[in-house]
Amino acid sequence: MLLTNGPVGPGEVRNAQTVIAGVDPVAIDAYTAQAFWGDITPFRHIRIAYDLGVGEIDLSRLAVREIAV
């Protein structure tokens, strides 16, 4: 995952051995923040995008499917 200079980089990356995919960029960021950092609060851009109506941050409202490979 790209940790700095997103969304285009170059920046610091972290190999999490995980693929997170979806059609809602806000939901993807919210899911990733929750999964790897436990909280979306430090990521202001997620809240701003949600407030602008770009996507969803409430993970309970999403149909999340996890697949082990």
N, C-alpha and C. Protein backbone atom coordinates (compact mmCIF):
# COMPACT_ATOMS: atom_id res chain seq x y z
N MET A 1 0.85 -1.17 0.00
CA MET A 1 0.00 0.00 0.00
C MET A 1 0.89 1.23 0.00
N LEU A 2 0.39 2.27 -0.61
CA LEU A 2 1.13 3.53 -0.69
C LEU A 2 0.85 4.33 0.58
N LEU A 3 1.89 4.60 1.36
CA LEU A 3 1.74 5.28 2.64
C LEU A 3 1.89 6.79 2.54
N THR A 4 2.66 7.27 1.57
CA THR A 4 2.87 8.71 1.41
C THR A 4 2.75 9.08 -0.07
N ASN A 5 2.43 10.34 -0.31
CA ASN A 5 2.33 10.90 -1.66
C ASN A 5 1.27 10.21 -2.52
N GLY A 6 0.20 9.75 -1.88
CA GLY A 6 -0.89 9.13 -2.64
C GLY A 6 -1.73 10.19 -3.34
N PRO A 7 -2.48 9.84 -4.32
CA PRO A 7 -2.66 8.48 -4.79
C PRO A 7 -1.72 8.05 -5.90
N VAL A 8 -0.84 8.93 -6.34
CA VAL A 8 -0.01 8.57 -7.51
C VAL A 8 1.44 8.25 -7.19
N GLY A 9 1.92 8.65 -5.99
CA GLY A 9 3.30 8.36 -5.63
C GLY A 9 4.28 9.19 -6.44
N PRO A 10 5.55 8.88 -6.48
CA PRO A 10 6.15 7.81 -5.69
C PRO A 10 6.11 8.16 -4.21
N GLY A 11 6.19 7.15 -3.41
CA GLY A 11 6.13 7.36 -1.98
C GLY A 11 6.56 6.11 -1.25
N GLU A 12 6.43 6.18 0.08
CA GLU A 12 6.76 5.03 0.92
C GLU A 12 5.67 3.97 0.77
N VAL A 13 6.08 2.73 0.59
CA VAL A 13 5.12 1.65 0.42
C VAL A 13 5.27 0.60 1.52
N ARG A 14 4.22 -0.16 1.72
CA ARG A 14 4.23 -1.27 2.67
C ARG A 14 3.61 -2.47 1.98
N ASN A 15 4.30 -3.58 1.98
CA ASN A 15 3.80 -4.80 1.38
C ASN A 15 3.02 -5.56 2.45
N ALA A 16 1.70 -5.56 2.33
CA ALA A 16 0.85 -6.17 3.34
C ALA A 16 0.37 -7.56 2.93
N GLN A 17 0.81 -8.05 1.77
CA GLN A 17 0.40 -9.37 1.30
C GLN A 17 -1.14 -9.49 1.27
N THR A 18 -1.80 -8.40 0.91
CA THR A 18 -3.26 -8.32 0.90
C THR A 18 -3.70 -7.52 -0.31
N VAL A 19 -4.80 -7.92 -0.91
CA VAL A 19 -5.41 -7.16 -1.99
C VAL A 19 -6.76 -6.64 -1.48
N ILE A 20 -6.94 -5.34 -1.57
CA ILE A 20 -8.21 -4.72 -1.21
C ILE A 20 -8.73 -4.04 -2.47
N ALA A 21 -9.91 -4.44 -2.91
CA ALA A 21 -10.46 -3.93 -4.16
C ALA A 21 -11.91 -3.53 -3.97
N GLY A 22 -12.34 -2.61 -4.78
CA GLY A 22 -13.74 -2.17 -4.73
C GLY A 22 -13.98 -1.05 -5.70
N VAL A 23 -15.20 -0.58 -5.74
CA VAL A 23 -15.57 0.50 -6.65
C VAL A 23 -15.71 1.85 -5.95
N ASP A 24 -15.66 1.85 -4.62
CA ASP A 24 -15.81 3.07 -3.83
C ASP A 24 -14.46 3.42 -3.20
N PRO A 25 -13.77 4.44 -3.71
CA PRO A 25 -12.44 4.76 -3.19
C PRO A 25 -12.43 5.17 -1.72
N VAL A 26 -13.49 5.80 -1.26
CA VAL A 26 -13.57 6.19 0.15
C VAL A 26 -13.72 4.95 1.03
N ALA A 27 -14.57 4.04 0.60
CA ALA A 27 -14.75 2.80 1.36
C ALA A 27 -13.46 1.99 1.40
N ILE A 28 -12.74 1.96 0.30
CA ILE A 28 -11.47 1.23 0.27
C ILE A 28 -10.47 1.85 1.24
N ASP A 29 -10.36 3.17 1.23
CA ASP A 29 -9.46 3.83 2.18
C ASP A 29 -9.91 3.61 3.62
N ALA A 30 -11.22 3.70 3.88
CA ALA A 30 -11.73 3.51 5.24
C ALA A 30 -11.46 2.08 5.70
N TYR A 31 -11.70 1.11 4.83
CA TYR A 31 -11.46 -0.29 5.19
C TYR A 31 -9.98 -0.52 5.48
N THR A 32 -9.12 0.02 4.63
CA THR A 32 -7.68 -0.15 4.80
C THR A 32 -7.20 0.50 6.09
N ALA A 33 -7.65 1.72 6.36
CA ALA A 33 -7.26 2.41 7.59
C ALA A 33 -7.71 1.62 8.82
N GLN A 34 -8.93 1.12 8.77
CA GLN A 34 -9.45 0.34 9.90
C GLN A 34 -8.68 -0.98 10.06
N ALA A 35 -8.41 -1.65 8.95
CA ALA A 35 -7.74 -2.96 8.99
C ALA A 35 -6.30 -2.87 9.47
N PHE A 36 -5.57 -1.85 9.03
CA PHE A 36 -4.14 -1.79 9.32
C PHE A 36 -3.77 -0.82 10.44
N TRP A 37 -4.61 0.17 10.71
CA TRP A 37 -4.30 1.13 11.77
C TRP A 37 -5.35 1.14 12.88
N GLY A 38 -6.49 0.49 12.67
CA GLY A 38 -7.52 0.40 13.69
C GLY A 38 -8.44 1.60 13.80
N ASP A 39 -8.19 2.65 13.00
CA ASP A 39 -8.97 3.87 13.14
C ASP A 39 -8.80 4.71 11.88
N ILE A 40 -9.87 5.38 11.46
CA ILE A 40 -9.75 6.26 10.29
C ILE A 40 -9.51 7.71 10.68
N THR A 41 -9.60 8.02 11.98
CA THR A 41 -9.50 9.41 12.45
C THR A 41 -8.26 10.16 11.96
N PRO A 42 -7.07 9.56 11.97
CA PRO A 42 -5.89 10.32 11.52
C PRO A 42 -5.89 10.66 10.03
N PHE A 43 -6.77 10.05 9.27
CA PHE A 43 -6.77 10.22 7.82
C PHE A 43 -7.87 11.19 7.41
N ARG A 44 -7.54 12.47 7.50
CA ARG A 44 -8.53 13.53 7.23
C ARG A 44 -9.16 13.43 5.85
N HIS A 45 -8.37 12.98 4.87
CA HIS A 45 -8.89 12.94 3.50
C HIS A 45 -10.08 12.00 3.37
N ILE A 46 -10.14 10.96 4.21
CA ILE A 46 -11.26 10.02 4.15
C ILE A 46 -12.54 10.73 4.58
N ARG A 47 -12.49 11.44 5.69
CA ARG A 47 -13.66 12.17 6.18
C ARG A 47 -14.07 13.27 5.21
N ILE A 48 -13.10 13.98 4.65
CA ILE A 48 -13.41 15.05 3.70
C ILE A 48 -14.11 14.49 2.47
N ALA A 49 -13.59 13.38 1.94
CA ALA A 49 -14.20 12.76 0.76
C ALA A 49 -15.62 12.29 1.08
N TYR A 50 -15.81 11.72 2.25
CA TYR A 50 -17.15 11.29 2.67
C TYR A 50 -18.09 12.48 2.76
N ASP A 51 -17.64 13.56 3.41
CA ASP A 51 -18.46 14.76 3.55
C ASP A 51 -18.84 15.36 2.20
N LEU A 52 -17.97 15.18 1.21
CA LEU A 52 -18.26 15.69 -0.14
C LEU A 52 -19.16 14.74 -0.94
N GLY A 53 -19.50 13.60 -0.36
CA GLY A 53 -20.37 12.65 -1.02
C GLY A 53 -19.69 11.73 -2.00
N VAL A 54 -18.37 11.61 -1.88
CA VAL A 54 -17.60 10.77 -2.81
C VAL A 54 -17.80 9.28 -2.54
N GLY A 55 -18.01 8.91 -1.28
CA GLY A 55 -18.16 7.49 -0.95
C GLY A 55 -18.56 7.29 0.49
N GLU A 56 -18.53 6.05 0.91
CA GLU A 56 -19.01 5.64 2.23
C GLU A 56 -17.84 5.32 3.17
N ILE A 57 -17.97 5.73 4.45
CA ILE A 57 -16.95 5.37 5.44
C ILE A 57 -17.49 4.42 6.50
N ASP A 58 -18.80 4.24 6.56
CA ASP A 58 -19.40 3.35 7.55
C ASP A 58 -19.33 1.92 7.01
N LEU A 59 -18.36 1.17 7.51
CA LEU A 59 -18.13 -0.18 6.99
C LEU A 59 -19.30 -1.12 7.24
N SER A 60 -20.13 -0.83 8.22
CA SER A 60 -21.30 -1.68 8.48
C SER A 60 -22.35 -1.55 7.38
N ARG A 61 -22.25 -0.52 6.57
CA ARG A 61 -23.20 -0.32 5.47
C ARG A 61 -22.72 -0.95 4.17
N LEU A 62 -21.57 -1.59 4.22
CA LEU A 62 -20.97 -2.16 3.01
C LEU A 62 -21.09 -3.67 2.99
N ALA A 63 -21.09 -4.23 1.81
CA ALA A 63 -21.06 -5.68 1.65
C ALA A 63 -19.59 -6.09 1.44
N VAL A 64 -18.88 -6.27 2.55
CA VAL A 64 -17.46 -6.62 2.49
C VAL A 64 -17.34 -8.14 2.41
N ARG A 65 -16.54 -8.57 1.47
CA ARG A 65 -16.31 -10.00 1.29
C ARG A 65 -14.82 -10.27 1.37
N GLU A 66 -14.41 -11.13 2.28
CA GLU A 66 -13.01 -11.48 2.44
C GLU A 66 -12.80 -12.88 1.87
N ILE A 67 -11.76 -13.01 1.06
CA ILE A 67 -11.46 -14.28 0.40
C ILE A 67 -10.02 -14.66 0.72
N ALA A 68 -9.82 -15.83 1.26
CA ALA A 68 -8.46 -16.33 1.52
C ALA A 68 -8.00 -17.09 0.28
N VAL A 69 -6.77 -16.81 -0.12
CA VAL A 69 -6.22 -17.48 -1.30
C VAL A 69 -5.03 -18.33 -0.90
